[in-house]
């Protein structure tokens, strides 16, 4: 069942759960490729993170998709994993590296909303309720809202950070989490209340989020094998078997009921920016046709985020990344701070014209553009904005 714009009500709760696919292994793979672009991508071969590489002791903490074909599981001993796959490539854990990529991951999410609850190093909930007007420009006939926003976030992370995530979409945290655990990697899934019977109920009870191994075994012993079985079981029976708290949790969760709130860690934005990687390199010949729609989308996004947070920016910047992966930027300070889309667009356009087409512009140097971005900084809340003549009319 596809969740369409016609079905979506902008006033209803909208929660994303965003989970990095095989985080430790993915981040290690990205770092290796950054250091040596000719190295083998660990994600494409049987590989795993964990244990002592020299002694081959310890446990597996992450594994590649090819390693799963050998039935290697997280938490098993390195010795056992190597027995299943003697050619398994093992890599040592590097928590400073994981922390670095986790920070980049969360920073990317903050480009879309500040209502974020990070629940582990590689996953977070985002409360996207009421943001349709800010992101409706992303919508297409093929990808309606809110999937278009989820795809934008997912693709932003893949293109600009080099690793993939799954995005689960629903009206509460439990269902969003369940949705993100559906088919992986690099996928977007919905699990709204009306989709529960089709998408969630057929799953084994052990796949219900929060249902541990011992609980699942206990439920299996009384004939409850699927989430549907638990959902249709009398709540009193679940309480008698599991205790009041656990019984209530299984009953309500199996029916998709969850009232847990996204609790964001507040942070004060020092700047706002957004960027897009081009589908093909922009050259001097394609600049007039390919650049305007990109700038328009970026200016709207930055303007909407400023307005949502009731912020104004005095400094507008524009930046590009070339086909040689070099970043170039320009910025200017306005006479009065703004969050107006048209002013941001016109300012960024002027900056890029000079940066790319000026006397010593990048196009004259033979460069091509693969990424473009707009930034807004030097923020205020509007209290000290200079009043124009138009404000007095």
Protein backbone atom coordinates (compact mmCIF):
# COMPACT_ATOMS: atom_id res chain seq x y z
CA UNK A 1 0.00 0.00 0.00
CA UNK A 2 1.49 3.35 -1.05
CA UNK A 3 0.76 6.33 1.14
CA UNK A 4 -0.23 9.19 -1.16
CA UNK A 5 -0.62 12.94 -0.79
CA UNK A 6 -4.40 12.53 -1.01
CA UNK A 7 -4.33 10.35 2.08
CA UNK A 8 -1.86 12.55 3.98
CA UNK A 9 -3.16 15.11 6.45
CA UNK A 10 -0.56 17.77 7.23
CA UNK A 11 -1.90 18.16 10.78
CA UNK A 12 -1.38 14.52 11.74
CA UNK A 13 1.75 13.41 13.61
CA UNK A 14 4.58 12.49 11.24
CA UNK A 15 7.63 10.67 12.60
CA UNK A 16 10.72 9.47 10.71
CA UNK A 17 13.05 6.84 12.11
CA UNK A 18 16.41 7.00 10.35
CA UNK A 19 18.84 4.14 10.81
CA UNK A 20 22.32 3.80 9.29
CA UNK A 21 22.73 0.50 7.45
CA UNK A 22 25.49 -1.63 9.07
CA UNK A 23 26.90 1.54 10.57
CA UNK A 24 30.29 0.45 11.90
CA UNK A 25 31.13 -1.52 8.77
CA UNK A 26 29.75 1.16 6.43
CA UNK A 27 31.69 3.94 8.13
CA UNK A 28 34.87 1.87 8.05
CA UNK A 29 34.32 1.16 4.36
CA UNK A 30 33.79 4.87 3.59
CA UNK A 31 36.99 5.84 5.44
CA UNK A 32 39.00 3.19 3.59
CA UNK A 33 37.70 4.44 0.25
CA UNK A 34 38.46 8.03 1.20
CA UNK A 35 42.04 7.05 2.04
CA UNK A 36 42.41 4.85 -1.04
CA UNK A 37 39.75 5.11 -3.78
CA UNK A 38 41.15 1.94 -5.36
CA UNK A 39 40.62 -0.19 -2.26
CA UNK A 40 37.91 -2.85 -2.08
CA UNK A 41 34.61 -1.65 -0.65
CA UNK A 42 34.09 -3.77 2.47
CA UNK A 43 30.34 -3.61 1.89
CA UNK A 44 30.66 -5.64 -1.31
CA UNK A 45 32.57 -8.61 0.15
CA UNK A 46 32.16 -10.92 3.17
CA UNK A 47 33.53 -8.69 5.93
CA UNK A 48 32.92 -7.87 9.56
CA UNK A 49 33.92 -5.56 12.40
CA UNK A 50 35.02 -6.85 15.77
CA UNK A 51 37.49 -8.83 17.73
CA UNK A 52 41.25 -8.74 17.69
CA UNK A 53 42.44 -9.16 14.12
CA UNK A 54 45.80 -10.65 15.15
CA UNK A 55 44.50 -13.19 17.67
CA UNK A 56 41.10 -13.58 15.96
CA UNK A 57 39.32 -13.49 19.29
CA UNK A 58 36.29 -11.49 20.34
CA UNK A 59 32.82 -11.08 18.84
CA UNK A 60 31.33 -9.72 15.64
CA UNK A 61 29.83 -6.23 16.11
CA UNK A 62 28.86 -5.52 12.48
CA UNK A 63 28.80 -7.41 9.20
CA UNK A 64 28.36 -6.82 5.50
CA UNK A 65 25.37 -8.05 3.50
CA UNK A 66 27.56 -10.64 1.69
CA UNK A 67 28.64 -11.94 5.13
CA UNK A 68 24.98 -12.58 5.98
CA UNK A 69 24.88 -15.21 3.24
CA UNK A 70 27.24 -17.27 5.39
CA UNK A 71 24.79 -16.96 8.32
CA UNK A 72 27.22 -14.78 10.25
CA UNK A 73 25.33 -12.92 12.96
CA UNK A 74 26.13 -9.96 15.18
CA UNK A 75 27.28 -11.07 18.61
CA UNK A 76 28.78 -14.41 17.60
CA UNK A 77 32.43 -15.17 18.21
CA UNK A 78 35.05 -14.36 15.60
CA UNK A 79 36.15 -18.00 15.72
CA UNK A 80 32.64 -19.15 14.82
CA UNK A 81 32.34 -16.58 12.04
CA UNK A 82 35.65 -17.65 10.52
CA UNK A 83 34.54 -21.28 10.57
CA UNK A 84 31.51 -20.30 8.51
CA UNK A 85 33.54 -18.08 6.16
CA UNK A 86 37.33 -18.62 6.23
CA UNK A 87 37.82 -15.73 3.80
CA UNK A 88 35.95 -13.27 6.02
CA UNK A 89 37.77 -9.92 6.08
CA UNK A 90 37.99 -8.65 9.66
CA UNK A 91 38.53 -5.01 10.63
CA UNK A 92 39.23 -3.62 14.08
CA UNK A 93 36.70 -1.35 15.78
CA UNK A 94 37.46 2.39 15.66
CA UNK A 95 35.10 4.32 17.91
CA UNK A 96 36.67 7.70 17.18
CA UNK A 97 35.82 7.12 13.52
CA UNK A 98 32.26 6.07 14.38
CA UNK A 99 31.80 9.19 16.49
CA UNK A 100 33.00 11.35 13.59
CA UNK A 101 30.54 9.85 11.10
CA UNK A 102 27.72 9.87 13.65
CA UNK A 103 28.24 13.61 14.07
CA UNK A 104 28.05 14.12 10.29
CA UNK A 105 24.91 11.96 10.19
CA UNK A 106 23.09 14.03 12.83
CA UNK A 107 24.30 17.31 11.32
CA UNK A 108 22.72 16.27 8.03
CA UNK A 109 19.39 15.56 9.74
CA UNK A 110 19.53 19.04 11.28
CA UNK A 111 19.42 20.46 7.76
CA UNK A 112 15.81 19.28 7.61
CA UNK A 113 14.56 19.71 11.19
CA UNK A 114 15.88 20.43 14.66
CA UNK A 115 13.20 18.25 16.27
CA UNK A 116 15.55 15.25 16.51
CA UNK A 117 16.04 12.60 19.16
CA UNK A 118 19.25 10.64 18.71
CA UNK A 119 18.73 7.25 20.37
CA UNK A 120 22.06 5.64 19.51
CA UNK A 121 25.23 6.38 17.58
CA UNK A 122 23.58 5.34 14.31
CA UNK A 123 19.85 6.06 14.61
CA UNK A 124 17.52 8.94 15.36
CA UNK A 125 13.88 9.92 15.36
CA UNK A 126 12.80 13.09 13.55
CA UNK A 127 9.46 14.74 14.25
CA UNK A 128 8.40 16.10 10.83
CA UNK A 129 4.86 17.07 11.89
CA UNK A 130 3.48 20.16 10.16
CA UNK A 131 6.35 20.68 7.72
CA UNK A 132 4.48 20.03 4.47
CA UNK A 133 4.50 23.70 3.42
CA UNK A 134 8.28 23.84 3.88
CA UNK A 135 9.00 20.78 1.77
CA UNK A 136 6.12 20.56 -0.70
CA UNK A 137 8.51 21.68 -3.48
CA UNK A 138 10.17 18.24 -3.27
CA UNK A 139 6.95 16.47 -4.23
CA UNK A 140 6.50 14.78 -7.61
CA UNK A 141 3.75 12.64 -9.12
CA UNK A 142 5.96 9.58 -8.66
CA UNK A 143 7.05 10.44 -5.11
CA UNK A 144 4.37 12.28 -3.08
CA UNK A 145 4.79 13.76 0.37
CA UNK A 146 6.06 12.60 2.85
CA UNK A 147 8.08 9.98 0.95
CA UNK A 148 9.74 12.67 -1.16
CA UNK A 149 11.19 14.24 2.00
CA UNK A 150 12.42 10.87 3.25
CA UNK A 151 14.07 10.21 -0.11
CA UNK A 152 15.71 13.65 -0.04
CA UNK A 153 17.24 12.93 3.38
CA UNK A 154 18.27 9.38 2.44
CA UNK A 155 19.87 10.46 -0.84
CA UNK A 156 21.58 13.47 0.75
CA UNK A 157 23.35 11.15 3.20
CA UNK A 158 24.27 8.60 0.52
CA UNK A 159 25.59 11.16 -1.98
CA UNK A 160 27.38 13.53 0.39
CA UNK A 161 28.50 11.23 3.22
CA UNK A 162 28.98 7.98 1.30
CA UNK A 163 26.86 5.60 3.38
CA UNK A 164 23.23 4.52 3.27
CA UNK A 165 20.31 4.71 5.68
CA UNK A 166 16.80 3.33 5.93
CA UNK A 167 13.95 5.71 6.68
CA UNK A 168 10.78 4.50 8.37
CA UNK A 169 7.73 6.77 8.23
CA UNK A 170 4.69 6.68 10.49
CA UNK A 171 2.56 8.60 12.96
CA UNK A 172 4.38 7.30 16.05
CA UNK A 173 7.88 6.21 17.04
CA UNK A 174 7.14 2.49 17.36
CA UNK A 175 5.71 2.14 13.86
CA UNK A 176 8.42 4.34 12.34
CA UNK A 177 11.04 2.10 13.94
CA UNK A 178 9.31 -1.04 12.66
CA UNK A 179 9.12 0.47 9.16
CA UNK A 180 12.82 1.29 9.06
CA UNK A 181 13.60 -2.36 9.81
CA UNK A 182 11.81 -3.56 6.68
CA UNK A 183 13.86 -4.45 3.58
CA UNK A 184 17.38 -2.96 3.58
CA UNK A 185 19.58 -1.18 2.60
CA UNK A 186 18.96 2.35 1.30
CA UNK A 187 15.16 2.09 1.48
CA UNK A 188 12.15 4.17 2.52
CA UNK A 189 9.14 2.41 4.05
CA UNK A 190 5.84 3.57 5.54
CA UNK A 191 3.88 1.88 8.30
CA UNK A 192 0.84 3.99 9.12
CA UNK A 193 -1.95 2.60 11.34
CA UNK A 194 -4.04 1.57 8.34
CA UNK A 195 -1.10 -0.48 7.03
CA UNK A 196 -0.53 -2.49 10.22
CA UNK A 197 -2.61 -5.53 9.28
CA UNK A 198 -0.95 -5.84 5.88
CA UNK A 199 2.66 -5.01 6.73
CA UNK A 200 3.21 -5.73 10.45
CA UNK A 201 0.79 -8.39 11.62
CA UNK A 202 2.20 -11.21 9.46
CA UNK A 203 5.69 -10.78 11.00
CA UNK A 204 7.01 -13.24 13.63
CA UNK A 205 6.42 -12.00 17.16
CA UNK A 206 10.17 -11.73 17.81
CA UNK A 207 10.33 -8.95 15.18
CA UNK A 208 8.06 -6.70 17.22
CA UNK A 209 10.24 -3.89 18.52
CA UNK A 210 10.86 -4.37 22.23
CA UNK A 211 9.96 -8.06 22.26
CA UNK A 212 13.07 -9.83 23.51
CA UNK A 213 14.11 -13.42 22.92
CA UNK A 214 12.80 -14.73 26.23
CA UNK A 215 9.46 -12.95 25.78
CA UNK A 216 9.10 -14.30 22.26
CA UNK A 217 9.82 -17.84 23.44
CA UNK A 218 7.25 -17.50 26.21
CA UNK A 219 4.63 -16.26 23.74
CA UNK A 220 5.48 -19.06 21.29
CA UNK A 221 4.88 -21.58 24.06
CA UNK A 222 1.25 -20.45 24.39
CA UNK A 223 0.61 -20.41 20.66
CA UNK A 224 1.42 -16.78 19.87
CA UNK A 225 3.75 -16.86 16.87
CA UNK A 226 2.98 -13.70 14.93
CA UNK A 227 2.39 -10.06 15.81
CA UNK A 228 -1.21 -10.56 14.73
CA UNK A 229 -1.59 -13.38 17.24
CA UNK A 230 -0.48 -11.04 20.03
CA UNK A 231 -2.67 -8.18 18.79
CA UNK A 232 -5.79 -10.38 18.89
CA UNK A 233 -5.00 -12.05 22.21
CA UNK A 234 -6.94 -10.90 25.26
CA UNK A 235 -4.86 -8.35 27.14
CA UNK A 236 -5.52 -10.16 30.43
CA UNK A 237 -3.93 -13.34 29.05
CA UNK A 238 -0.78 -11.45 28.02
CA UNK A 239 -0.61 -9.90 31.48
CA UNK A 240 -0.99 -13.27 33.18
CA UNK A 241 1.87 -14.73 31.11
CA UNK A 242 4.29 -11.81 31.02
CA UNK A 243 3.35 -9.59 33.95
CA UNK A 244 1.31 -6.40 33.84
CA UNK A 245 3.91 -4.05 32.34
CA UNK A 246 5.31 -6.40 29.71
CA UNK A 247 1.87 -7.77 28.84
CA UNK A 248 0.49 -4.29 28.26
CA UNK A 249 3.50 -3.34 26.15
CA UNK A 250 3.14 -6.35 23.84
CA UNK A 251 -0.61 -5.85 23.48
CA UNK A 252 -0.46 -2.14 22.67
CA UNK A 253 2.64 -2.42 20.48
CA UNK A 254 1.18 -5.30 18.45
CA UNK A 255 -1.79 -3.04 17.77
CA UNK A 256 0.49 -0.16 16.77
CA UNK A 257 -0.31 1.97 19.81
CA UNK A 258 2.56 4.07 21.16
CA UNK A 259 2.46 7.49 22.85
CA UNK A 260 6.20 8.03 23.25
CA UNK A 261 7.27 11.52 22.18
CA UNK A 262 10.29 12.61 20.17
CA UNK A 263 12.42 14.42 22.74
CA UNK A 264 14.85 16.64 20.86
CA UNK A 265 18.19 17.75 22.21
CA UNK A 266 17.86 21.49 21.79
CA UNK A 267 20.60 23.31 19.90
CA UNK A 268 20.88 26.88 18.75
CA UNK A 269 21.51 27.12 15.03
CA UNK A 270 24.47 29.31 14.09
CA UNK A 271 23.74 29.09 10.38
CA UNK A 272 21.42 27.48 7.87
CA UNK A 273 22.47 25.83 4.65
CA UNK A 274 21.32 23.35 2.09
CA UNK A 275 23.06 21.78 -0.88
CA UNK A 276 22.24 19.54 -3.83
CA UNK A 277 24.42 17.27 -5.91
CA UNK A 278 23.67 17.71 -9.60
CA UNK A 279 22.43 14.78 -11.69
CA UNK A 280 25.14 15.65 -14.22
CA UNK A 281 27.97 18.16 -14.11
CA UNK A 282 26.93 21.75 -14.88
CA UNK A 283 29.08 23.43 -17.52
CA UNK A 284 29.14 26.93 -18.98
CA UNK A 285 26.86 25.64 -21.76
CA UNK A 286 24.23 24.18 -19.41
CA UNK A 287 24.44 26.82 -16.64
CA UNK A 288 21.45 28.88 -17.81
CA UNK A 289 19.14 25.86 -17.96
CA UNK A 290 20.39 23.59 -15.16
CA UNK A 291 21.33 26.04 -12.39
CA UNK A 292 18.10 28.11 -11.93
CA UNK A 293 15.85 25.21 -10.74
CA UNK A 294 18.56 24.05 -8.30
CA UNK A 295 18.99 27.53 -6.83
CA UNK A 296 15.24 28.00 -6.60
CA UNK A 297 14.81 24.80 -4.60
CA UNK A 298 17.76 25.60 -2.31
CA UNK A 299 16.60 29.18 -1.66
CA UNK A 300 13.12 27.99 -0.76
CA UNK A 301 14.49 25.39 1.63
CA UNK A 302 16.80 27.84 3.43
CA UNK A 303 14.06 30.51 3.55
CA UNK A 304 11.47 28.10 4.94
CA UNK A 305 13.81 26.86 7.66
CA UNK A 306 14.65 30.41 8.70
CA UNK A 307 10.95 31.31 8.85
CA UNK A 308 10.09 28.15 10.78
CA UNK A 309 12.63 29.10 13.47
CA UNK A 310 11.72 32.82 13.25
CA UNK A 311 15.27 33.70 12.29
CA UNK A 312 16.78 36.30 9.93
CA UNK A 313 20.19 36.18 8.27
CA UNK A 314 22.47 39.10 7.46
CA UNK A 315 25.00 37.06 5.50
CA UNK A 316 24.08 35.00 2.44
CA UNK A 317 26.58 32.64 0.86
CA UNK A 318 26.79 30.39 -2.18
CA UNK A 319 29.20 27.53 -2.70
CA UNK A 320 29.99 24.90 -5.31
CA UNK A 321 32.02 21.72 -5.54
CA UNK A 322 33.76 21.11 -8.86
CA UNK A 323 34.34 17.91 -10.79
CA UNK A 324 37.83 17.89 -9.23
CA UNK A 325 36.15 17.85 -5.78
CA UNK A 326 37.39 21.32 -4.83
CA UNK A 327 35.00 23.61 -2.96
CA UNK A 328 34.70 27.31 -3.81
CA UNK A 329 32.49 29.82 -2.02
CA UNK A 330 31.45 33.44 -1.89
CA UNK A 331 29.31 35.44 0.51
CA UNK A 332 27.99 38.92 1.08
CA UNK A 333 26.51 40.87 3.99
CA UNK A 334 23.12 42.47 3.40
CA UNK A 335 22.07 45.94 4.54
CA UNK A 336 19.20 44.33 6.48
CA UNK A 337 18.77 40.76 7.67
CA UNK A 338 16.23 38.63 5.82
CA UNK A 339 14.46 35.31 5.55
CA UNK A 340 12.75 36.23 2.29
CA UNK A 341 13.04 33.54 -0.39
CA UNK A 342 13.37 36.02 -3.30
CA UNK A 343 16.14 38.03 -1.64
CA UNK A 344 18.06 34.85 -0.77
CA UNK A 345 17.62 33.55 -4.33
CA UNK A 346 18.69 36.80 -6.03
CA UNK A 347 21.69 37.20 -3.71
CA UNK A 348 22.88 33.61 -4.23
CA UNK A 349 22.38 33.95 -7.98
CA UNK A 350 24.52 37.11 -8.09
CA UNK A 351 27.23 35.43 -6.04
CA UNK A 352 27.32 32.39 -8.31
CA UNK A 353 27.35 34.49 -11.47
CA UNK A 354 30.49 36.21 -10.21
CA UNK A 355 32.04 32.99 -8.88
CA UNK A 356 31.45 31.03 -12.07
CA UNK A 357 31.18 33.59 -14.87
CA UNK A 358 33.31 36.47 -13.59
CA UNK A 359 36.66 37.58 -14.96
CA UNK A 360 38.48 34.82 -13.10
CA UNK A 361 35.44 32.56 -12.85
CA UNK A 362 35.57 28.81 -12.51
CA UNK A 363 34.02 28.21 -15.94
CA UNK A 364 36.78 30.26 -17.58
CA UNK A 365 39.24 27.98 -15.78
CA UNK A 366 37.55 24.98 -17.41
CA UNK A 367 35.85 23.69 -14.23
CA UNK A 368 32.50 21.89 -14.07
CA UNK A 369 30.05 21.93 -11.15
CA UNK A 370 28.83 18.78 -9.39
CA UNK A 371 27.32 20.31 -6.22
CA UNK A 372 25.79 23.67 -5.35
CA UNK A 373 24.69 25.09 -2.00
CA UNK A 374 23.28 28.19 -0.32
CA UNK A 375 24.06 29.30 3.25
CA UNK A 376 22.57 31.89 5.59
CA UNK A 377 24.44 33.08 8.68
CA UNK A 378 24.96 36.03 11.02
CA UNK A 379 21.52 35.39 12.49
CA UNK A 380 19.10 37.48 14.52
CA UNK A 381 15.48 37.20 15.60
CA UNK A 382 14.38 40.29 13.69
CA UNK A 383 14.36 42.62 16.68
CA UNK A 384 17.07 44.88 15.27
CA UNK A 385 16.20 44.78 11.57
CA UNK A 386 16.48 48.15 9.89
CA UNK A 387 13.01 49.42 8.96
CA UNK A 388 12.64 50.21 5.27
CA UNK A 389 10.45 52.88 3.70
CA UNK A 390 8.03 50.11 2.69
CA UNK A 391 7.57 49.18 6.36
CA UNK A 392 6.25 52.70 7.01
CA UNK A 393 3.60 52.67 4.29
